[in-house]
């Protein structure tokens, strides 16, 4: 059984990519992924926010301010 996850969040989309979710489309600023897991969008958001990936993304955004 597959599950469709739609998100506008670039960081979350990258997280889905590295967690073996299949990008199946992009429309109206939404990345559309198919996953074989039963996890909901909210489940994925929580996993992402608790991951080192989210901390990395936040650090990049913070450091980007120095370049302006």
PDB file of N, CA and C in Angstrom:
ATOM      1  N   UNK A   1       0.841  -1.186   0.000  1.00  0.00           N
ATOM      2  CA  UNK A   1       0.000   0.000   0.000  1.00  0.00           C
ATOM      3  C   UNK A   1       0.880   1.241   0.000  1.00  0.00           C
ATOM      4  N   UNK A   2       0.537   2.225  -0.808  1.00  0.00           N
ATOM      5  CA  UNK A   2       1.325   3.448  -0.870  1.00  0.00           C
ATOM      6  C   UNK A   2       0.564   4.600  -0.246  1.00  0.00           C
ATOM      7  N   UNK A   3       1.313   5.616   0.120  1.00  0.00           N
ATOM      8  CA  UNK A   3       0.777   6.796   0.772  1.00  0.00           C
ATOM      9  C   UNK A   3       1.322   8.011   0.030  1.00  0.00           C
ATOM     10  N   UNK A   4       0.491   9.021  -0.219  1.00  0.00           N
ATOM     11  CA  UNK A   4       0.914  10.241  -0.907  1.00  0.00           C
ATOM     12  C   UNK A   4       1.127  11.344   0.129  1.00  0.00           C
ATOM     13  N   UNK A   5       2.285  11.982   0.048  1.00  0.00           N
ATOM     14  CA  UNK A   5       2.644  13.089   0.929  1.00  0.00           C
ATOM     15  C   UNK A   5       2.890  14.322   0.057  1.00  0.00           C
ATOM     16  N   UNK A   6       2.238  15.447   0.380  1.00  0.00           N
ATOM     17  CA  UNK A   6       2.421  16.703  -0.350  1.00  0.00           C
ATOM     18  C   UNK A   6       2.958  17.749   0.613  1.00  0.00           C
ATOM     19  N   UNK A   7       4.012  18.460   0.199  1.00  0.00           N
ATOM     20  CA  UNK A   7       4.576  19.504   1.040  1.00  0.00           C
ATOM     21  C   UNK A   7       5.173  20.616   0.198  1.00  0.00           C
ATOM     22  N   UNK A   8       5.138  21.827   0.747  1.00  0.00           N
ATOM     23  CA  UNK A   8       5.808  22.968   0.134  1.00  0.00           C
ATOM     24  C   UNK A   8       7.186  23.186   0.756  1.00  0.00           C
ATOM     25  N   UNK A   9       7.472  22.527   1.871  1.00  0.00           N
ATOM     26  CA  UNK A   9       8.711  22.739   2.610  1.00  0.00           C
ATOM     27  C   UNK A   9       9.887  22.056   1.908  1.00  0.00           C
ATOM     28  N   UNK A  10      10.839  22.838   1.470  1.00  0.00           N
ATOM     29  CA  UNK A  10      11.999  22.309   0.769  1.00  0.00           C
ATOM     30  C   UNK A  10      12.810  21.359   1.657  1.00  0.00           C
ATOM     31  N   UNK A  11      13.022  21.736   2.910  1.00  0.00           N
ATOM     32  CA  UNK A  11      13.779  20.884   3.822  1.00  0.00           C
ATOM     33  C   UNK A  11      13.111  19.539   4.039  1.00  0.00           C
ATOM     34  N   UNK A  12      11.805  19.547   4.226  1.00  0.00           N
ATOM     35  CA  UNK A  12      11.060  18.305   4.414  1.00  0.00           C
ATOM     36  C   UNK A  12      11.099  17.463   3.139  1.00  0.00           C
ATOM     37  N   UNK A  13      11.001  18.113   1.989  1.00  0.00           N
ATOM     38  CA  UNK A  13      11.073  17.380   0.721  1.00  0.00           C
ATOM     39  C   UNK A  13      12.424  16.670   0.590  1.00  0.00           C
ATOM     40  N   UNK A  14      13.497  17.352   0.937  1.00  0.00           N
ATOM     41  CA  UNK A  14      14.821  16.728   0.890  1.00  0.00           C
ATOM     42  C   UNK A  14      14.897  15.564   1.878  1.00  0.00           C
ATOM     43  N   UNK A  15      14.296  15.729   3.055  1.00  0.00           N
ATOM     44  CA  UNK A  15      14.268  14.667   4.063  1.00  0.00           C
ATOM     45  C   UNK A  15      13.512  13.449   3.533  1.00  0.00           C
ATOM     46  N   UNK A  16      12.394  13.679   2.857  1.00  0.00           N
ATOM     47  CA  UNK A  16      11.650  12.569   2.255  1.00  0.00           C
ATOM     48  C   UNK A  16      12.505  11.865   1.208  1.00  0.00           C
ATOM     49  N   UNK A  17      13.232  12.654   0.419  1.00  0.00           N
ATOM     50  CA  UNK A  17      14.139  12.087  -0.592  1.00  0.00           C
ATOM     51  C   UNK A  17      15.155  11.133   0.028  1.00  0.00           C
ATOM     52  N   UNK A  18      15.814  11.571   1.076  1.00  0.00           N
ATOM     53  CA  UNK A  18      16.876  10.742   1.652  1.00  0.00           C
ATOM     54  C   UNK A  18      16.319   9.590   2.481  1.00  0.00           C
ATOM     55  N   UNK A  19      15.002   9.577   2.689  1.00  0.00           N
ATOM     56  CA  UNK A  19      14.363   8.470   3.390  1.00  0.00           C
ATOM     57  C   UNK A  19      13.589   7.567   2.424  1.00  0.00           C
ATOM     58  N   UNK A  20      14.061   7.533   1.198  1.00  0.00           N
ATOM     59  CA  UNK A  20      13.582   6.599   0.171  1.00  0.00           C
ATOM     60  C   UNK A  20      12.132   6.777  -0.245  1.00  0.00           C
ATOM     61  N   UNK A  21      11.616   7.982  -0.131  1.00  0.00           N
ATOM     62  CA  UNK A  21      10.302   8.280  -0.682  1.00  0.00           C
ATOM     63  C   UNK A  21      10.493   8.665  -2.147  1.00  0.00           C
ATOM     64  N   UNK A  22       9.534   8.354  -2.960  1.00  0.00           N
ATOM     65  CA  UNK A  22       9.635   8.574  -4.405  1.00  0.00           C
ATOM     66  C   UNK A  22       8.939   9.874  -4.793  1.00  0.00           C
ATOM     67  N   UNK A  23       9.702  10.819  -5.354  1.00  0.00           N
ATOM     68  CA  UNK A  23       9.113  12.052  -5.872  1.00  0.00           C
ATOM     69  C   UNK A  23       8.321  11.695  -7.128  1.00  0.00           C
ATOM     70  N   UNK A  24       7.014  11.951  -7.101  1.00  0.00           N
ATOM     71  CA  UNK A  24       6.169  11.589  -8.243  1.00  0.00           C
ATOM     72  C   UNK A  24       5.606  12.795  -8.971  1.00  0.00           C
ATOM     73  N   UNK A  25       5.806  13.994  -8.411  1.00  0.00           N
ATOM     74  CA  UNK A  25       5.298  15.166  -9.093  1.00  0.00           C
ATOM     75  C   UNK A  25       5.611  16.448  -8.357  1.00  0.00           C
ATOM     76  N   UNK A  26       5.370  17.548  -9.053  1.00  0.00           N
ATOM     77  CA  UNK A  26       5.522  18.889  -8.492  1.00  0.00           C
ATOM     78  C   UNK A  26       4.461  19.758  -9.144  1.00  0.00           C
ATOM     79  N   UNK A  27       3.587  20.340  -8.320  1.00  0.00           N
ATOM     80  CA  UNK A  27       2.554  21.220  -8.870  1.00  0.00           C
ATOM     81  C   UNK A  27       2.151  22.272  -7.847  1.00  0.00           C
ATOM     82  N   UNK A  28       1.958  23.467  -8.321  1.00  0.00           N
ATOM     83  CA  UNK A  28       1.535  24.592  -7.473  1.00  0.00           C
ATOM     84  C   UNK A  28       2.391  24.712  -6.214  1.00  0.00           C
ATOM     85  N   UNK A  29       3.705  24.650  -6.388  1.00  0.00           N
ATOM     86  CA  UNK A  29       4.670  24.768  -5.298  1.00  0.00           C
ATOM     87  C   UNK A  29       4.683  23.585  -4.334  1.00  0.00           C
ATOM     88  N   UNK A  30       3.988  22.519  -4.632  1.00  0.00           N
ATOM     89  CA  UNK A  30       3.979  21.331  -3.775  1.00  0.00           C
ATOM     90  C   UNK A  30       4.855  20.231  -4.378  1.00  0.00           C
ATOM     91  N   UNK A  31       5.702  19.653  -3.527  1.00  0.00           N
ATOM     92  CA  UNK A  31       6.427  18.441  -3.876  1.00  0.00           C
ATOM     93  C   UNK A  31       5.494  17.284  -3.516  1.00  0.00           C
ATOM     94  N   UNK A  32       5.322  16.343  -4.411  1.00  0.00           N
ATOM     95  CA  UNK A  32       4.411  15.223  -4.184  1.00  0.00           C
ATOM     96  C   UNK A  32       5.230  13.940  -4.154  1.00  0.00           C
ATOM     97  N   UNK A  33       5.161  13.259  -3.018  1.00  0.00           N
ATOM     98  CA  UNK A  33       5.934  12.042  -2.801  1.00  0.00           C
ATOM     99  C   UNK A  33       5.013  10.855  -2.576  1.00  0.00           C
ATOM    100  N   UNK A  34       5.492   9.702  -2.995  1.00  0.00           N
ATOM    101  CA  UNK A  34       4.825   8.443  -2.702  1.00  0.00           C
ATOM    102  C   UNK A  34       5.732   7.655  -1.770  1.00  0.00           C
ATOM    103  N   UNK A  35       5.150   7.098  -0.730  1.00  0.00           N
ATOM    104  CA  UNK A  35       5.910   6.319   0.232  1.00  0.00           C
ATOM    105  C   UNK A  35       5.167   5.026   0.535  1.00  0.00           C
ATOM    106  N   UNK A  36       5.907   4.002   0.844  1.00  0.00           N
ATOM    107  CA  UNK A  36       5.278   2.715   1.160  1.00  0.00           C
ATOM    108  C   UNK A  36       4.882   2.632   2.634  1.00  0.00           C
ATOM    109  N   UNK A  37       5.259   3.621   3.423  1.00  0.00           N
ATOM    110  CA  UNK A  37       4.926   3.595   4.849  1.00  0.00           C
ATOM    111  C   UNK A  37       3.524   4.151   5.086  1.00  0.00           C
ATOM    112  N   UNK A  38       2.996   3.884   6.250  1.00  0.00           N
ATOM    113  CA  UNK A  38       1.672   4.374   6.647  1.00  0.00           C
ATOM    114  C   UNK A  38       1.748   5.760   7.290  1.00  0.00           C
ATOM    115  N   UNK A  39       2.944   6.335   7.380  1.00  0.00           N
ATOM    116  CA  UNK A  39       3.130   7.606   8.080  1.00  0.00           C
ATOM    117  C   UNK A  39       2.443   8.757   7.354  1.00  0.00           C
ATOM    118  N   UNK A  40       1.837   9.623   8.137  1.00  0.00           N
ATOM    119  CA  UNK A  40       1.146  10.798   7.602  1.00  0.00           C
ATOM    120  C   UNK A  40       2.137  11.938   7.400  1.00  0.00           C
ATOM    121  N   UNK A  41       1.660  13.007   6.772  1.00  0.00           N
ATOM    122  CA  UNK A  41       2.483  14.203   6.613  1.00  0.00           C
ATOM    123  C   UNK A  41       2.956  14.686   7.979  1.00  0.00           C
ATOM    124  N   UNK A  42       2.083  14.704   8.956  1.00  0.00           N
ATOM    125  CA  UNK A  42       2.443  15.163  10.310  1.00  0.00           C
ATOM    126  C   UNK A  42       3.529  14.276  10.917  1.00  0.00           C
ATOM    127  N   UNK A  43       3.433  12.961  10.707  1.00  0.00           N
ATOM    128  CA  UNK A  43       4.470  12.038  11.197  1.00  0.00           C
ATOM    129  C   UNK A  43       5.825  12.388  10.585  1.00  0.00           C
ATOM    130  N   UNK A  44       5.835  12.638   9.270  1.00  0.00           N
ATOM    131  CA  UNK A  44       7.085  12.977   8.583  1.00  0.00           C
ATOM    132  C   UNK A  44       7.631  14.314   9.071  1.00  0.00           C
ATOM    133  N   UNK A  45       6.745  15.287   9.298  1.00  0.00           N
ATOM    134  CA  UNK A  45       7.180  16.595   9.799  1.00  0.00           C
ATOM    135  C   UNK A  45       7.859  16.451  11.167  1.00  0.00           C
ATOM    136  N   UNK A  46       7.297  15.635  12.016  1.00  0.00           N
ATOM    137  CA  UNK A  46       7.876  15.426  13.348  1.00  0.00           C
ATOM    138  C   UNK A  46       9.232  14.730  13.248  1.00  0.00           C
ATOM    139  N   UNK A  47       9.313  13.707  12.402  1.00  0.00           N
ATOM    140  CA  UNK A  47      10.596  13.016  12.222  1.00  0.00           C
ATOM    141  C   UNK A  47      11.660  13.984  11.702  1.00  0.00           C
ATOM    142  N   UNK A  48      11.272  14.833  10.754  1.00  0.00           N
ATOM    143  CA  UNK A  48      12.206  15.812  10.190  1.00  0.00           C
ATOM    144  C   UNK A  48      12.666  16.808  11.251  1.00  0.00           C
ATOM    145  N   UNK A  49      11.722  17.338  12.024  1.00  0.00           N
ATOM    146  CA  UNK A  49      12.070  18.340  13.037  1.00  0.00           C
ATOM    147  C   UNK A  49      12.967  17.769  14.138  1.00  0.00           C
ATOM    148  N   UNK A  50      12.901  16.477  14.378  1.00  0.00           N
ATOM    149  CA  UNK A  50      13.734  15.828  15.383  1.00  0.00           C
ATOM    150  C   UNK A  50      15.040  15.281  14.805  1.00  0.00           C
ATOM    151  N   UNK A  51      15.269  15.504  13.541  1.00  0.00           N
ATOM    152  CA  UNK A  51      16.458  14.960  12.879  1.00  0.00           C
ATOM    153  C   UNK A  51      17.602  15.979  12.836  1.00  0.00           C
ATOM    154  N   UNK A  52      18.778  15.471  12.553  1.00  0.00           N
ATOM    155  CA  UNK A  52      19.924  16.367  12.372  1.00  0.00           C
ATOM    156  C   UNK A  52      19.750  17.210  11.108  1.00  0.00           C
ATOM    157  N   UNK A  53      18.937  16.749  10.173  1.00  0.00           N
ATOM    158  CA  UNK A  53      18.703  17.496   8.930  1.00  0.00           C
ATOM    159  C   UNK A  53      18.064  18.853   9.213  1.00  0.00           C
ATOM    160  N   UNK A  54      17.092  18.889  10.102  1.00  0.00           N
ATOM    161  CA  UNK A  54      16.428  20.153  10.436  1.00  0.00           C
ATOM    162  C   UNK A  54      17.398  21.106  11.112  1.00  0.00           C
ATOM    163  N   UNK A  55      18.238  20.569  11.992  1.00  0.00           N
ATOM    164  CA  UNK A  55      19.236  21.424  12.656  1.00  0.00           C
ATOM    165  C   UNK A  55      20.236  21.962  11.642  1.00  0.00           C
ATOM    166  N   UNK A  56      20.617  21.139  10.677  1.00  0.00           N
ATOM    167  CA  UNK A  56      21.532  21.564   9.619  1.00  0.00           C
ATOM    168  C   UNK A  56      20.899  22.681   8.790  1.00  0.00           C
ATOM    169  N   UNK A  57      19.642  22.499   8.393  1.00  0.00           N
ATOM    170  CA  UNK A  57      18.945  23.505   7.591  1.00  0.00           C
ATOM    171  C   UNK A  57      18.848  24.834   8.340  1.00  0.00           C
ATOM    172  N   UNK A  58      18.542  24.784   9.633  1.00  0.00           N
ATOM    173  CA  UNK A  58      18.448  26.001  10.440  1.00  0.00           C
ATOM    174  C   UNK A  58      19.807  26.699  10.529  1.00  0.00           C
ATOM    175  N   UNK A  59      20.885  25.922  10.665  1.00  0.00           N
ATOM    176  CA  UNK A  59      22.231  26.501  10.728  1.00  0.00           C
ATOM    177  C   UNK A  59      22.593  27.172   9.413  1.00  0.00           C
ATOM    178  N   UNK A  60      22.239  26.556   8.300  1.00  0.00           N
ATOM    179  CA  UNK A  60      22.506  27.148   6.978  1.00  0.00           C
ATOM    180  C   UNK A  60      21.795  28.498   6.863  1.00  0.00           C
ATOM    181  N   UNK A  61      20.528  28.545   7.236  1.00  0.00           N
ATOM    182  CA  UNK A  61      19.766  29.800   7.148  1.00  0.00           C
ATOM    183  C   UNK A  61      20.365  30.872   8.056  1.00  0.00           C
ATOM    184  N   UNK A  62      20.796  30.482   9.232  1.00  0.00           N
ATOM    185  CA  UNK A  62      21.410  31.430  10.167  1.00  0.00           C
ATOM    186  C   UNK A  62      22.734  31.971   9.606  1.00  0.00           C
ATOM    187  N   UNK A  63      23.535  31.088   9.048  1.00  0.00           N
ATOM    188  CA  UNK A  63      24.840  31.505   8.509  1.00  0.00           C
ATOM    189  C   UNK A  63      24.690  32.319   7.225  1.00  0.00           C
ATOM    190  N   UNK A  64      23.628  32.082   6.484  1.00  0.00           N
ATOM    191  CA  UNK A  64      23.393  32.817   5.236  1.00  0.00           C
ATOM    192  C   UNK A  64      23.282  34.316   5.503  1.00  0.00           C
ATOM    193  N   UNK A  65      22.823  34.699   6.684  1.00  0.00           N
ATOM    194  CA  UNK A  65      22.668  36.114   7.036  1.00  0.00           C
ATOM    195  C   UNK A  65      24.002  36.854   6.981  1.00  0.00           C
ATOM    196  N   UNK A  66      25.112  36.165   7.219  1.00  0.00           N
ATOM    197  CA  UNK A  66      26.433  36.795   7.178  1.00  0.00           C
ATOM    198  C   UNK A  66      26.841  37.180   5.757  1.00  0.00           C
ATOM    199  N   UNK A  67      26.285  36.529   4.779  1.00  0.00           N
ATOM    200  CA  UNK A  67      26.649  36.782   3.389  1.00  0.00           C
ATOM    201  C   UNK A  67      25.966  37.996   2.798  1.00  0.00           C
ATOM    202  N   UNK A  68      25.005  38.559   3.491  1.00  0.00           N
ATOM    203  CA  UNK A  68      24.262  39.710   2.951  1.00  0.00           C
ATOM    204  C   UNK A  68      24.937  41.008   3.289  1.00  0.00           C
TER     205      UNK A  68
END
